[in-house]
Structure formats: C-alpha cells, structure tokens
Protein backbone atom coordinates (compact mmCIF):
# COMPACT_ATOMS: atom_id res chain seq x y z
CA MET A 1 0.00 0.00 0.00
CA ASP A 2 1.39 3.39 -0.99
CA ILE A 3 1.53 5.78 1.95
CA ALA A 4 1.17 8.84 -0.27
CA ARG A 5 -2.14 7.56 -1.68
CA ILE A 6 -3.82 7.32 1.72
CA GLY A 7 -2.94 10.85 2.75
CA PHE A 8 -0.07 10.35 5.18
CA THR A 9 3.11 12.28 4.81
CA ARG A 10 5.92 10.04 3.73
CA VAL A 11 8.76 10.02 6.22
CA THR A 12 12.19 9.97 4.68
CA ARG A 13 15.24 8.84 6.51
CA ALA A 14 17.34 11.62 7.95
CA HIS A 15 20.75 12.04 6.44
CA PRO A 16 23.24 10.46 8.88
CA GLY A 17 25.44 13.57 8.77
CA ARG A 18 22.52 15.81 9.73
CA MET A 19 21.49 13.51 12.56
CA ASN A 20 25.06 13.39 13.85
CA GLU A 21 25.24 17.19 13.73
CA PHE A 22 21.90 17.47 15.57
CA LEU A 23 23.08 15.14 18.32
CA ARG A 24 26.44 16.90 18.56
CA ARG A 25 24.71 20.28 18.92
CA LEU A 26 22.35 18.91 21.54
CA LEU A 27 25.10 17.38 23.66
CA GLU A 28 28.09 19.64 22.94
CA GLY A 29 26.59 23.01 22.00
CA ARG A 30 26.14 24.98 18.80
CA THR A 31 29.82 25.13 17.92
CA PRO A 32 32.81 22.92 18.76
CA TRP A 33 35.04 25.95 19.41
CA GLY A 34 32.98 27.43 22.29
CA THR A 35 30.15 29.87 22.93
CA LEU A 36 29.12 33.41 22.08
CA ASP A 37 26.61 34.72 24.61
CA VAL A 38 24.77 38.03 24.32
CA SER A 39 22.74 38.92 27.38
CA PRO A 40 21.61 41.85 29.48
CA ALA A 41 24.07 42.27 32.31
CA SER A 42 22.18 44.55 34.66
CA ARG A 43 19.75 47.41 34.76
CA GLY A 44 22.34 50.09 33.89
CA ILE A 45 24.27 48.11 31.32
CA TRP A 46 22.51 47.65 28.03
CA GLN A 47 24.11 44.33 27.09
CA ARG A 48 27.01 42.03 27.73
CA VAL A 49 28.73 39.95 25.07
CA ARG A 50 30.93 37.08 26.20
CA LEU A 51 33.04 34.98 23.84
CA THR A 52 34.35 31.74 25.33
CA VAL A 53 36.79 29.77 23.18
CA TYR A 54 37.57 26.21 24.23
CA PRO A 55 41.15 24.97 23.97
CA PRO A 56 41.73 23.31 20.60
CA GLY A 57 42.17 19.57 20.80
CA ILE A 58 39.62 18.96 23.56
CA THR A 59 37.64 15.77 23.25
CA PRO A 60 33.91 15.53 22.59
CA GLY A 61 33.47 14.37 26.20
CA GLN A 62 35.21 17.48 27.50
CA ARG A 63 33.03 19.65 25.26
CA ARG A 64 29.96 17.90 26.67
CA LEU A 65 31.08 18.73 30.22
CA LEU A 66 31.68 22.38 29.31
CA HIS A 67 28.31 22.54 27.57
CA LEU A 68 26.66 20.99 30.62
CA SER A 69 28.27 23.60 32.88
CA HIS A 70 26.99 26.31 30.53
CA THR A 71 23.43 24.97 30.41
CA TRP A 72 23.02 23.64 33.98
CA PRO A 73 21.48 26.80 35.48
CA VAL A 74 18.49 26.58 33.13
CA GLY A 75 18.52 22.87 32.33
CA GLY A 76 18.97 21.90 35.96
CA GLY A 77 16.13 24.23 36.91
CA ILE A 78 13.84 22.53 34.41
CA LEU A 79 14.84 19.12 35.77
CA CYS A 80 14.08 20.38 39.27
CA LEU A 81 10.57 21.40 38.24
CA PHE A 82 9.92 17.90 36.91
CA ALA A 83 11.40 16.41 40.08
CA LEU A 84 9.09 18.60 42.19
CA VAL A 85 6.11 17.17 40.33
CA LEU A 86 7.36 13.61 40.80
CA LEU A 87 8.04 14.17 44.50
CA SER A 88 4.83 16.09 45.20
CA ASP A 89 3.37 13.19 47.23
CA GLU A 90 6.29 13.37 49.68
CA GLY A 91 5.26 16.74 51.09
CA PRO A 92 6.34 20.24 50.12
CA VAL A 93 9.24 20.63 52.54
CA LEU A 94 10.88 17.29 51.81
CA SER A 95 10.41 17.55 48.04
CA LEU A 96 11.73 21.12 47.92
CA ALA A 97 14.72 20.26 50.11
CA THR A 98 15.54 17.21 47.95
CA VAL A 99 15.27 19.15 44.69
CA LEU A 100 17.33 22.10 45.95
CA ALA A 101 20.01 19.74 47.26
CA GLY A 102 20.15 18.04 43.86
CA TYR A 103 20.36 21.38 42.05
CA VAL A 104 23.20 22.64 44.24
CA ALA A 105 24.95 19.25 44.01
CA GLY A 106 24.76 19.54 40.22
CA PHE A 107 26.61 22.87 40.37
CA LEU A 108 29.26 21.47 42.71
CA VAL A 109 29.87 18.29 40.71
CA ILE A 110 29.99 20.10 37.37
CA ALA A 111 32.31 22.79 38.78
CA ARG A 112 34.66 20.11 40.08
CA LEU A 113 34.65 18.14 36.82
CA THR A 114 35.23 21.20 34.62
CA ARG A 115 37.60 23.24 36.78
CA GLU A 116 40.74 22.58 34.77
CA LEU A 117 38.92 22.86 31.44
CA ARG A 118 37.33 26.20 32.36
CA GLU A 119 40.74 27.55 33.38
CA ARG A 120 42.12 26.66 29.95
CA CYS A 121 39.26 28.41 28.10
CA ARG A 122 39.91 31.88 26.71
CA VAL A 123 37.22 34.46 27.48
CA VAL A 124 36.65 37.98 26.17
CA THR A 125 33.80 40.03 27.60
CA VAL A 126 32.49 43.38 26.39
CA ALA A 127 29.78 45.41 28.10
CA SER A 128 27.80 48.17 26.39
CA GLU A 129 26.19 50.92 28.42
CA TYR A 130 23.71 53.49 27.20
CA VAL A 131 24.47 56.78 28.95
CA GLY A 132 23.27 60.25 28.00
CA GLY A 133 22.23 59.27 24.49
CA GLU A 134 25.44 57.48 23.57
CA VAL A 135 26.70 53.93 23.83
CA ARG A 136 29.89 53.33 25.79
CA GLU A 137 31.67 50.02 25.40
CA TYR A 138 33.98 48.51 27.99
CA GLY A 139 36.45 45.74 27.30
CA ASN A 140 38.46 44.80 24.24
CA VAL A 141 35.73 45.42 21.65
CA HIS A 142 38.00 45.09 18.62
CA LEU A 143 39.45 41.77 19.77
CA LEU A 144 35.99 40.35 20.49
CA ARG A 145 34.60 41.45 17.12
CA VAL A 146 37.54 40.08 15.15
CA ALA A 147 37.63 36.77 17.03
CA ALA A 148 33.84 36.27 16.87
CA SER A 149 33.80 37.11 13.17
CA ARG A 150 36.62 34.66 12.39
CA LEU A 151 35.01 31.89 14.44
CA THR A 152 31.55 32.48 12.93
CA ASP A 153 33.03 32.34 9.43
CA LEU A 154 35.02 29.23 10.34
CA GLU A 155 31.88 27.50 11.62
CA ALA A 156 29.97 28.37 8.43
CA ARG A 157 32.75 26.85 6.33
CA ARG A 158 32.77 23.72 8.51
CA ARG A 159 29.03 23.23 8.11
CA SER A 160 29.29 23.78 4.36
CA GLY A 161 32.09 21.24 4.08
CA LEU A 162 34.53 23.85 2.77
CA ILE A 163 37.20 23.09 5.36
CA ASP A 164 38.65 19.82 6.57
CA PRO A 165 38.92 18.98 10.31
CA VAL A 166 42.66 19.70 10.41
CA GLY A 167 42.25 23.14 8.83
CA TYR A 168 39.30 23.84 11.11
CA GLU A 169 41.27 23.09 14.24
CA ALA A 170 44.31 25.04 12.97
CA GLU A 171 42.23 28.20 12.45
CA TRP A 172 40.48 27.63 15.79
CA ALA A 173 43.93 27.44 17.42
CA GLU A 174 44.98 30.74 15.78
CA VAL A 175 42.00 32.54 17.27
CA TYR A 176 42.50 30.82 20.64
CA ASP A 177 46.16 31.89 20.74
CA ALA A 178 45.22 35.51 19.93
CA LEU A 179 42.99 35.74 23.02
CA PRO A 180 44.36 36.52 26.50
CA ASP A 181 44.71 33.61 28.91
CA GLU A 182 43.52 33.57 32.55
CA ALA A 183 46.76 35.12 33.89
CA ALA A 184 46.55 38.03 31.43
CA ARG A 185 42.88 38.59 32.30
CA ALA A 186 43.74 38.64 36.00
CA LEU A 187 46.36 41.36 35.38
CA GLU A 188 43.80 43.42 33.45
CA ARG A 189 41.37 43.33 36.40
CA HIS A 190 43.93 44.68 38.87
C-alpha cells in the first residue's frame, strides 16, 4: 500500500550527517570551538557579550562537560521542576529540600569536573552601556569582534564542508592563541 495515496506524509530517513550534527549540537553546544553569549548584564548596562573559546584539541566528552556547565542553570532548573512534580506526594518541605540539594549538588559536581577545562578556556567580555544618548563600550571590543567574526566564518565553512577537520582546528587554534589567557585577564582586572 502506498503511503502517499492514503494521505499520510511520507517520512524519509534523515541524512546520517545531519542527525550526527543534531546530536552533537544537543550534547556539545552549537559550535565545537565554544560559545558566544549576548545577554543583558544589569539594569544600567545595556548588554554584555561574552566569547568563550575552548582549547583546541579537547575531546567531545570534554566539550559535553563544558556545555553541561553552561546549560546547567536553566537545564537543571527545568529538571528540578519535573522532580518537584514527581516528589509532590512526599510533602512540600521534603520535596523542595531534595530538589534544591540536587540542584546545588549539580553545580558542585559540574564545577569540580570542569575546573581545569574552564581555566584553559579563553574568554573575552564586552559590556555596552547606554548613557546620555550614547553607547559606551567597555572591554576589548575590537578583539571580540575580530575573534567572533573569524570563528563564525570558520563554523559556516565547517558546516558547508569547505574546510577539513585539520584546517578547522588550525584556524580555531589561531583565534584561541590571539585571546588573553587567565593570567593576562587577572592582570587586566587589577
């Protein structure tokens, strides 16, 4: 019997490369090289942009841990809501205490597992503030824009198949090396 003749949509098999990319993005994040986060920082600061570049050569498992540490505040909160529903018969105090203990334990375990990896990541943060009709930017704006642009272009070429894995990691390493490490960032703060 032909599925199309009875009115059902025919389901085609997903391309294995697309499925692998979907799973990789789900478990490891949007890009293998790190994250680019744009978020409001506070009431007075208009926005904060944070570029985090993972050290080249990290394994998929290490990327999964870093992605988990990045998504735990929201993802763990969602898990806690489901746990509250499941534990609702145990009483409000016990269920809330159990869920909060699990949420905090998640932070502690993830922080312990990713400590060395997070120290090796390179981070550039820029804050923009709207004051008196003009935008003031704080941080190394030029470095962030150049690095983010190179990494975004690199990721587009990877997804299009225009660059091989060795070339991808070599360019990723160039950007990583151009960013200040933790010791340099500490000197900038003082």
